[in-house]
Amino acid sequence: IAVLGKTMVEEDEENMSLFEAFCEAATPLEICPETFFEKR
């Protein structure tokens, strides 16, 4: 597993803006709680 996020290259404002727009518009998938596996 790997975790990705907003680039921190300050000069790259376009990528930052595009990523922020995506995060604002998209509906994230919620991670299941641990109890889901415990019940199974």
All heavy atoms as atom14 arrays in JSON, in Angstrom:
{
  "sequence": "IAVLGKTMVEEDEENMSLFEAFCEAATPLEICPETFFEKR",
  "atom14_mask": [
    [1, 1, 1, 1, 1, 1, 1, 1, 0, 0, 0, 0, 0, 0],
    [1, 1, 1, 1, 1, 0, 0, 0, 0, 0, 0, 0, 0, 0],
    [1, 1, 1, 1, 1, 1, 1, 0, 0, 0, 0, 0, 0, 0],
    [1, 1, 1, 1, 1, 1, 1, 1, 0, 0, 0, 0, 0, 0],
    [1, 1, 1, 1, 0, 0, 0, 0, 0, 0, 0, 0, 0, 0],
    [1, 1, 1, 1, 1, 1, 1, 1, 1, 0, 0, 0, 0, 0],
    [1, 1, 1, 1, 1, 1, 1, 0, 0, 0, 0, 0, 0, 0],
    [1, 1, 1, 1, 1, 1, 1, 1, 0, 0, 0, 0, 0, 0],
    [1, 1, 1, 1, 1, 1, 1, 0, 0, 0, 0, 0, 0, 0],
    [1, 1, 1, 1, 1, 1, 1, 1, 1, 0, 0, 0, 0, 0],
    [1, 1, 1, 1, 1, 1, 1, 1, 1, 0, 0, 0, 0, 0],
    [1, 1, 1, 1, 1, 1, 1, 1, 0, 0, 0, 0, 0, 0],
    [1, 1, 1, 1, 1, 1, 1, 1, 1, 0, 0, 0, 0, 0],
    [1, 1, 1, 1, 1, 1, 1, 1, 1, 0, 0, 0, 0, 0],
    [1, 1, 1, 1, 1, 1, 1, 1, 0, 0, 0, 0, 0, 0],
    [1, 1, 1, 1, 1, 1, 1, 1, 0, 0, 0, 0, 0, 0],
    [1, 1, 1, 1, 1, 1, 0, 0, 0, 0, 0, 0, 0, 0],
    [1, 1, 1, 1, 1, 1, 1, 1, 0, 0, 0, 0, 0, 0],
    [1, 1, 1, 1, 1, 1, 1, 1, 1, 1, 1, 0, 0, 0],
    [1, 1, 1, 1, 1, 1, 1, 1, 1, 0, 0, 0, 0, 0],
    [1, 1, 1, 1, 1, 0, 0, 0, 0, 0, 0, 0, 0, 0],
    [1, 1, 1, 1, 1, 1, 1, 1, 1, 1, 1, 0, 0, 0],
    [1, 1, 1, 1, 1, 1, 0, 0, 0, 0, 0, 0, 0, 0],
    [1, 1, 1, 1, 1, 1, 1, 1, 1, 0, 0, 0, 0, 0],
    [1, 1, 1, 1, 1, 0, 0, 0, 0, 0, 0, 0, 0, 0],
    [1, 1, 1, 1, 1, 0, 0, 0, 0, 0, 0, 0, 0, 0],
    [1, 1, 1, 1, 1, 1, 1, 0, 0, 0, 0, 0, 0, 0],
    [1, 1, 1, 1, 1, 1, 1, 0, 0, 0, 0, 0, 0, 0],
    [1, 1, 1, 1, 1, 1, 1, 1, 0, 0, 0, 0, 0, 0],
    [1, 1, 1, 1, 1, 1, 1, 1, 1, 0, 0, 0, 0, 0],
    [1, 1, 1, 1, 1, 1, 1, 1, 0, 0, 0, 0, 0, 0],
    [1, 1, 1, 1, 1, 1, 0, 0, 0, 0, 0, 0, 0, 0],
    [1, 1, 1, 1, 1, 1, 1, 0, 0, 0, 0, 0, 0, 0],
    [1, 1, 1, 1, 1, 1, 1, 1, 1, 0, 0, 0, 0, 0],
    [1, 1, 1, 1, 1, 1, 1, 0, 0, 0, 0, 0, 0, 0],
    [1, 1, 1, 1, 1, 1, 1, 1, 1, 1, 1, 0, 0, 0],
    [1, 1, 1, 1, 1, 1, 1, 1, 1, 1, 1, 0, 0, 0],
    [1, 1, 1, 1, 1, 1, 1, 1, 1, 0, 0, 0, 0, 0],
    [1, 1, 1, 1, 1, 1, 1, 1, 1, 0, 0, 0, 0, 0],
    [1, 1, 1, 1, 1, 1, 1, 1, 1, 1, 1, 0, 0, 0]
  ],
  "atom14_positions": [
    [[0.84, -1.19, 0.0], [0.0, 0.0, 0.0], [0.88, 1.25, 0.0], [1.97, 1.26, 0.59], [-0.96, 0.01, 1.22], [-2.04, 1.08, 1.06], [-0.21, 0.18, 2.53], [-3.16, 0.95, 2.07], [0.0, 0.0, 0.0], [0.0, 0.0, 0.0], [0.0, 0.0, 0.0], [0.0, 0.0, 0.0], [0.0, 0.0, 0.0], [0.0, 0.0, 0.0]],
    [[0.43, 2.27, -0.7], [1.14, 3.54, -0.74], [0.12, 4.67, -0.62], [-1.04, 4.52, -0.99], [1.93, 3.68, -2.04], [0.0, 0.0, 0.0], [0.0, 0.0, 0.0], [0.0, 0.0, 0.0], [0.0, 0.0, 0.0], [0.0, 0.0, 0.0], [0.0, 0.0, 0.0], [0.0, 0.0, 0.0], [0.0, 0.0, 0.0], [0.0, 0.0, 0.0]],
    [[0.57, 5.8, -0.08], [-0.29, 6.95, 0.14], [0.21, 8.11, -0.73], [1.39, 8.46, -0.68], [-0.29, 7.38, 1.62], [-1.25, 8.55, 1.83], [-0.67, 6.22, 2.53], [0.0, 0.0, 0.0], [0.0, 0.0, 0.0], [0.0, 0.0, 0.0], [0.0, 0.0, 0.0], [0.0, 0.0, 0.0], [0.0, 0.0, 0.0], [0.0, 0.0, 0.0]],
    [[-0.69, 8.67, -1.52], [-0.38, 9.81, -2.39], [-1.17, 11.02, -1.94], [-2.22, 10.89, -1.31], [-0.75, 9.49, -3.85], [-0.31, 8.14, -4.42], [-0.84, 7.97, -5.84], [1.19, 7.99, -4.38], [0.0, 0.0, 0.0], [0.0, 0.0, 0.0], [0.0, 0.0, 0.0], [0.0, 0.0, 0.0], [0.0, 0.0, 0.0], [0.0, 0.0, 0.0]],
    [[-0.66, 12.21, -2.27], [-1.37, 13.43, -1.9], [-0.87, 14.61, -2.71], [-0.15, 14.44, -3.69], [0.0, 0.0, 0.0], [0.0, 0.0, 0.0], [0.0, 0.0, 0.0], [0.0, 0.0, 0.0], [0.0, 0.0, 0.0], [0.0, 0.0, 0.0], [0.0, 0.0, 0.0], [0.0, 0.0, 0.0], [0.0, 0.0, 0.0], [0.0, 0.0, 0.0]],
    [[-1.22, 15.78, -2.27], [-0.87, 17.0, -3.0], [0.63, 17.17, -3.1], [1.35, 17.01, -2.12], [-1.49, 18.22, -2.32], [-1.24, 19.52, -3.05], [-2.07, 20.66, -2.5], [-1.64, 21.07, -1.11], [-2.35, 22.28, -0.64], [0.0, 0.0, 0.0], [0.0, 0.0, 0.0], [0.0, 0.0, 0.0], [0.0, 0.0, 0.0], [0.0, 0.0, 0.0]],
    [[1.1, 17.46, -4.3], [2.53, 17.73, -4.47], [2.89, 19.0, -3.71], [2.12, 19.95, -3.65], [2.89, 17.89, -5.96], [4.27, 18.25, -6.05], [2.05, 18.94, -6.64], [0.0, 0.0, 0.0], [0.0, 0.0, 0.0], [0.0, 0.0, 0.0], [0.0, 0.0, 0.0], [0.0, 0.0, 0.0], [0.0, 0.0, 0.0], [0.0, 0.0, 0.0]],
    [[4.08, 19.01, -3.13], [4.51, 20.16, -2.34], [5.52, 21.03, -3.09], [6.25, 21.81, -2.47], [5.12, 19.68, -1.02], [4.11, 19.0, -0.12], [2.7, 20.08, 0.27], [1.71, 18.99, 1.27], [0.0, 0.0, 0.0], [0.0, 0.0, 0.0], [0.0, 0.0, 0.0], [0.0, 0.0, 0.0], [0.0, 0.0, 0.0], [0.0, 0.0, 0.0]],
    [[5.59, 20.88, -4.4], [6.47, 21.72, -5.2], [5.79, 23.08, -5.36], [4.8, 23.22, -6.08], [6.74, 21.09, -6.58], [7.67, 21.98, -7.41], [7.35, 19.7, -6.41], [0.0, 0.0, 0.0], [0.0, 0.0, 0.0], [0.0, 0.0, 0.0], [0.0, 0.0, 0.0], [0.0, 0.0, 0.0], [0.0, 0.0, 0.0], [0.0, 0.0, 0.0]],
    [[6.31, 24.06, -4.67], [5.64, 25.36, -4.6], [5.48, 26.02, -5.96], [4.54, 26.77, -6.21], [6.42, 26.29, -3.66], [6.4, 25.81, -2.21], [7.23, 26.68, -1.32], [7.82, 27.67, -1.83], [7.3, 26.4, -0.1], [0.0, 0.0, 0.0], [0.0, 0.0, 0.0], [0.0, 0.0, 0.0], [0.0, 0.0, 0.0], [0.0, 0.0, 0.0]],
    [[6.43, 25.74, -6.86], [6.37, 26.36, -8.18], [5.27, 25.76, -9.05], [4.92, 26.31, -10.09], [7.72, 26.22, -8.9], [8.88, 26.9, -8.2], [9.45, 26.06, -7.05], [9.04, 24.89, -6.94], [10.27, 26.59, -6.28], [0.0, 0.0, 0.0], [0.0, 0.0, 0.0], [0.0, 0.0, 0.0], [0.0, 0.0, 0.0], [0.0, 0.0, 0.0]],
    [[4.76, 24.6, -8.64], [3.79, 23.88, -9.48], [2.37, 24.18, -9.03], [1.63, 23.31, -8.6], [4.08, 22.38, -9.41], [3.53, 21.64, -10.62], [2.8, 22.26, -11.41], [3.82, 20.45, -10.76], [0.0, 0.0, 0.0], [0.0, 0.0, 0.0], [0.0, 0.0, 0.0], [0.0, 0.0, 0.0], [0.0, 0.0, 0.0], [0.0, 0.0, 0.0]],
    [[1.98, 25.43, -9.14], [0.66, 25.84, -8.66], [-0.48, 25.21, -9.46], [-1.55, 24.95, -8.91], [0.55, 27.37, -8.71], [1.47, 28.08, -7.72], [1.3, 29.58, -7.75], [0.37, 30.05, -8.47], [2.07, 30.27, -7.08], [0.0, 0.0, 0.0], [0.0, 0.0, 0.0], [0.0, 0.0, 0.0], [0.0, 0.0, 0.0], [0.0, 0.0, 0.0]],
    [[-0.24, 24.96, -10.75], [-1.3, 24.38, -11.59], [-1.69, 23.0, -11.09], [-2.89, 22.68, -10.95], [-0.86, 24.3, -13.05], [-1.97, 23.77, -13.96], [-1.54, 23.69, -15.41], [-0.4, 24.09, -15.73], [-2.36, 23.23, -16.22], [0.0, 0.0, 0.0], [0.0, 0.0, 0.0], [0.0, 0.0, 0.0], [0.0, 0.0, 0.0], [0.0, 0.0, 0.0]],
    [[-0.7, 22.14, -10.8], [-1.0, 20.8, -10.3], [-1.7, 20.87, -8.94], [-2.62, 20.11, -8.67], [0.28, 19.97, -10.18], [0.62, 19.26, -11.48], [-0.2, 18.55, -12.04], [1.82, 19.5, -11.98], [0.0, 0.0, 0.0], [0.0, 0.0, 0.0], [0.0, 0.0, 0.0], [0.0, 0.0, 0.0], [0.0, 0.0, 0.0], [0.0, 0.0, 0.0]],
    [[-1.24, 21.78, -8.09], [-1.89, 21.94, -6.78], [-3.35, 22.31, -6.94], [-4.23, 21.76, -6.27], [-1.16, 23.02, -5.97], [0.18, 22.6, -5.43], [0.86, 23.9, -4.37], [2.38, 23.12, -3.8], [0.0, 0.0, 0.0], [0.0, 0.0, 0.0], [0.0, 0.0, 0.0], [0.0, 0.0, 0.0], [0.0, 0.0, 0.0], [0.0, 0.0, 0.0]],
    [[-3.61, 23.24, -7.84], [-4.99, 23.7, -8.05], [-5.87, 22.59, -8.61], [-7.02, 22.41, -8.2], [-5.02, 24.91, -8.99], [-4.33, 25.99, -8.43], [0.0, 0.0, 0.0], [0.0, 0.0, 0.0], [0.0, 0.0, 0.0], [0.0, 0.0, 0.0], [0.0, 0.0, 0.0], [0.0, 0.0, 0.0], [0.0, 0.0, 0.0], [0.0, 0.0, 0.0]],
    [[-5.34, 21.83, -9.57], [-6.1, 20.73, -10.17], [-6.42, 19.66, -9.12], [-7.52, 19.11, -9.08], [-5.34, 20.12, -11.34], [-5.28, 20.97, -12.61], [-4.29, 20.37, -13.62], [-6.66, 21.09, -13.25], [0.0, 0.0, 0.0], [0.0, 0.0, 0.0], [0.0, 0.0, 0.0], [0.0, 0.0, 0.0], [0.0, 0.0, 0.0], [0.0, 0.0, 0.0]],
    [[-5.44, 19.35, -8.28], [-5.66, 18.34, -7.25], [-6.69, 18.81, -6.24], [-7.58, 18.06, -5.84], [-4.34, 18.01, -6.55], [-4.49, 16.96, -5.48], [-4.71, 15.63, -5.83], [-4.42, 17.29, -4.14], [-4.86, 14.66, -4.85], [-4.57, 16.33, -3.16], [-4.79, 15.01, -3.52], [0.0, 0.0, 0.0], [0.0, 0.0, 0.0], [0.0, 0.0, 0.0]],
    [[-6.58, 20.06, -5.82], [-7.55, 20.6, -4.86], [-8.96, 20.61, -5.44], [-9.94, 20.32, -4.74], [-7.12, 22.01, -4.44], [-5.89, 22.02, -3.54], [-5.34, 23.41, -3.33], [-5.87, 24.36, -3.95], [-4.38, 23.54, -2.54], [0.0, 0.0, 0.0], [0.0, 0.0, 0.0], [0.0, 0.0, 0.0], [0.0, 0.0, 0.0], [0.0, 0.0, 0.0]],
    [[-9.08, 20.93, -6.74], [-10.39, 20.92, -7.39], [-10.97, 19.51, -7.43], [-12.17, 19.3, -7.23], [-10.29, 21.49, -8.8], [0.0, 0.0, 0.0], [0.0, 0.0, 0.0], [0.0, 0.0, 0.0], [0.0, 0.0, 0.0], [0.0, 0.0, 0.0], [0.0, 0.0, 0.0], [0.0, 0.0, 0.0], [0.0, 0.0, 0.0], [0.0, 0.0, 0.0]],
    [[-10.1, 18.53, -7.7], [-10.54, 17.13, -7.72], [-11.06, 16.72, -6.34], [-12.13, 16.12, -6.21], [-9.38, 16.22, -8.14], [-9.59, 14.77, -7.81], [-10.5, 14.0, -8.53], [-8.9, 14.18, -6.76], [-10.71, 12.65, -8.22], [-9.09, 12.84, -6.45], [-10.0, 12.08, -7.17], [0.0, 0.0, 0.0], [0.0, 0.0, 0.0], [0.0, 0.0, 0.0]],
    [[-10.3, 17.04, -5.3], [-10.7, 16.66, -3.94], [-12.01, 17.31, -3.53], [-12.82, 16.71, -2.83], [-9.59, 17.05, -2.94], [-8.07, 16.12, -3.15], [0.0, 0.0, 0.0], [0.0, 0.0, 0.0], [0.0, 0.0, 0.0], [0.0, 0.0, 0.0], [0.0, 0.0, 0.0], [0.0, 0.0, 0.0], [0.0, 0.0, 0.0], [0.0, 0.0, 0.0]],
    [[-12.21, 18.53, -3.98], [-13.44, 19.24, -3.64], [-14.65, 18.66, -4.35], [-15.75, 18.59, -3.78], [-13.28, 20.72, -4.0], [-14.44, 21.58, -3.54], [-14.21, 23.06, -3.81], [-13.05, 23.47, -3.96], [-15.22, 23.8, -3.87], [0.0, 0.0, 0.0], [0.0, 0.0, 0.0], [0.0, 0.0, 0.0], [0.0, 0.0, 0.0], [0.0, 0.0, 0.0]],
    [[-14.46, 18.2, -5.6], [-15.59, 17.71, -6.39], [-15.89, 16.23, -6.17], [-17.03, 15.8, -6.27], [-15.31, 17.96, -7.88], [0.0, 0.0, 0.0], [0.0, 0.0, 0.0], [0.0, 0.0, 0.0], [0.0, 0.0, 0.0], [0.0, 0.0, 0.0], [0.0, 0.0, 0.0], [0.0, 0.0, 0.0], [0.0, 0.0, 0.0], [0.0, 0.0, 0.0]],
    [[-14.86, 15.44, -5.88], [-15.03, 13.98, -5.79], [-15.64, 13.57, -4.45], [-15.42, 14.21, -3.42], [-13.68, 13.29, -5.97], [0.0, 0.0, 0.0], [0.0, 0.0, 0.0], [0.0, 0.0, 0.0], [0.0, 0.0, 0.0], [0.0, 0.0, 0.0], [0.0, 0.0, 0.0], [0.0, 0.0, 0.0], [0.0, 0.0, 0.0], [0.0, 0.0, 0.0]],
    [[-16.42, 12.5, -4.49], [-16.93, 11.88, -3.27], [-15.99, 10.74, -2.91], [-15.86, 9.78, -3.66], [-18.35, 11.33, -3.47], [-19.22, 12.39, -3.87], [-18.87, 10.7, -2.19], [0.0, 0.0, 0.0], [0.0, 0.0, 0.0], [0.0, 0.0, 0.0], [0.0, 0.0, 0.0], [0.0, 0.0, 0.0], [0.0, 0.0, 0.0], [0.0, 0.0, 0.0]],
    [[-15.29, 10.82, -1.79], [-14.32, 9.77, -1.45], [-15.01, 8.47, -1.05], [-16.17, 8.47, -0.65], [-13.55, 10.37, -0.27], [-14.53, 11.31, 0.36], [-15.35, 11.88, -0.77], [0.0, 0.0, 0.0], [0.0, 0.0, 0.0], [0.0, 0.0, 0.0], [0.0, 0.0, 0.0], [0.0, 0.0, 0.0], [0.0, 0.0, 0.0], [0.0, 0.0, 0.0]],
    [[-14.27, 7.37, -1.18], [-14.74, 6.1, -0.64], [-14.3, 6.04, 0.82], [-13.11, 6.21, 1.12], [-14.14, 4.93, -1.42], [-14.8, 4.61, -2.76], [-14.04, 3.5, -3.49], [-16.25, 4.19, -2.57], [0.0, 0.0, 0.0], [0.0, 0.0, 0.0], [0.0, 0.0, 0.0], [0.0, 0.0, 0.0], [0.0, 0.0, 0.0], [0.0, 0.0, 0.0]],
    [[-15.24, 5.79, 1.69], [-14.91, 5.7, 3.11], [-14.29, 4.34, 3.42], [-14.72, 3.31, 2.9], [-16.15, 5.93, 3.97], [-16.65, 7.35, 3.96], [-17.75, 7.57, 4.98], [-18.15, 6.59, 5.65], [-18.23, 8.71, 5.1], [0.0, 0.0, 0.0], [0.0, 0.0, 0.0], [0.0, 0.0, 0.0], [0.0, 0.0, 0.0], [0.0, 0.0, 0.0]],
    [[-13.29, 4.36, 4.27], [-12.64, 3.12, 4.68], [-13.52, 2.42, 5.72], [-14.04, 3.06, 6.64], [-11.25, 3.42, 5.27], [-10.35, 3.98, 4.15], [-10.63, 2.2, 5.89], [-9.0, 4.45, 4.62], [0.0, 0.0, 0.0], [0.0, 0.0, 0.0], [0.0, 0.0, 0.0], [0.0, 0.0, 0.0], [0.0, 0.0, 0.0], [0.0, 0.0, 0.0]],
    [[-13.67, 1.12, 5.56], [-14.53, 0.38, 6.48], [-13.93, 0.38, 7.88], [-12.71, 0.41, 8.05], [-14.72, -1.06, 6.0], [-13.26, -2.09, 6.18], [0.0, 0.0, 0.0], [0.0, 0.0, 0.0], [0.0, 0.0, 0.0], [0.0, 0.0, 0.0], [0.0, 0.0, 0.0], [0.0, 0.0, 0.0], [0.0, 0.0, 0.0], [0.0, 0.0, 0.0]],
    [[-14.77, 0.36, 8.9], [-14.26, 0.3, 10.28], [-13.69, -1.08, 10.58], [-14.05, -2.07, 9.93], [-15.5, 0.59, 11.13], [-16.65, 0.15, 10.26], [-16.23, 0.43, 8.85], [0.0, 0.0, 0.0], [0.0, 0.0, 0.0], [0.0, 0.0, 0.0], [0.0, 0.0, 0.0], [0.0, 0.0, 0.0], [0.0, 0.0, 0.0], [0.0, 0.0, 0.0]],
    [[-12.8, -1.15, 11.55], [-12.22, -2.44, 11.94], [-13.29, -3.44, 12.35], [-13.13, -4.65, 12.17], [-11.24, -2.24, 13.09], [-9.9, -1.7, 12.69], [-8.97, -1.67, 13.88], [-8.31, -2.69, 14.14], [-8.92, -0.62, 14.55], [0.0, 0.0, 0.0], [0.0, 0.0, 0.0], [0.0, 0.0, 0.0], [0.0, 0.0, 0.0], [0.0, 0.0, 0.0]],
    [[-14.38, -2.92, 12.91], [-15.44, -3.82, 13.39], [-16.04, -4.64, 12.27], [-16.59, -5.71, 12.5], [-16.55, -3.01, 14.07], [-16.97, -1.96, 13.19], [-16.07, -2.39, 15.38], [0.0, 0.0, 0.0], [0.0, 0.0, 0.0], [0.0, 0.0, 0.0], [0.0, 0.0, 0.0], [0.0, 0.0, 0.0], [0.0, 0.0, 0.0], [0.0, 0.0, 0.0]],
    [[-15.92, -4.16, 11.01], [-16.47, -4.92, 9.89], [-15.79, -6.28, 9.81], [-16.44, -7.31, 9.64], [-16.24, -4.15, 8.58], [-16.66, -4.93, 7.35], [-17.99, -5.0, 6.96], [-15.71, -5.6, 6.58], [-18.37, -5.72, 5.84], [-16.09, -6.32, 5.45], [-17.42, -6.38, 5.09], [0.0, 0.0, 0.0], [0.0, 0.0, 0.0], [0.0, 0.0, 0.0]],
    [[-14.46, -6.32, 9.93], [-13.73, -7.58, 9.86], [-13.95, -8.43, 11.1], [-14.04, -9.65, 11.03], [-12.24, -7.32, 9.66], [-11.91, -6.71, 8.32], [-11.34, -5.46, 8.23], [-12.18, -7.39, 7.14], [-11.04, -4.89, 7.01], [-11.89, -6.83, 5.92], [-11.31, -5.59, 5.85], [0.0, 0.0, 0.0], [0.0, 0.0, 0.0], [0.0, 0.0, 0.0]],
    [[-14.05, -7.78, 12.24], [-14.26, -8.52, 13.48], [-15.58, -9.27, 13.44], [-15.67, -10.42, 13.88], [-14.24, -7.56, 14.67], [-12.87, -6.96, 14.93], [-12.91, -5.82, 15.92], [-14.02, -5.5, 16.4], [-11.86, -5.22, 16.19], [0.0, 0.0, 0.0], [0.0, 0.0, 0.0], [0.0, 0.0, 0.0], [0.0, 0.0, 0.0], [0.0, 0.0, 0.0]],
    [[-16.62, -8.65, 12.88], [-17.92, -9.31, 12.77], [-17.83, -10.5, 11.82], [-18.44, -11.54, 12.04], [-18.97, -8.32, 12.28], [-19.37, -7.28, 13.31], [-20.37, -6.29, 12.73], [-20.75, -5.22, 13.75], [-21.67, -4.22, 13.17], [0.0, 0.0, 0.0], [0.0, 0.0, 0.0], [0.0, 0.0, 0.0], [0.0, 0.0, 0.0], [0.0, 0.0, 0.0]],
    [[-17.07, -10.36, 10.72], [-16.97, -11.44, 9.74], [-16.23, -12.64, 10.3], [-16.51, -13.78, 9.97], [-16.27, -10.96, 8.46], [-17.22, -10.44, 7.4], [-17.91, -9.19, 7.82], [-19.18, -8.93, 7.15], [-20.06, -8.07, 7.63], [-19.86, -7.45, 8.76], [-21.18, -7.84, 6.99], [0.0, 0.0, 0.0], [0.0, 0.0, 0.0], [0.0, 0.0, 0.0]]
  ]
}
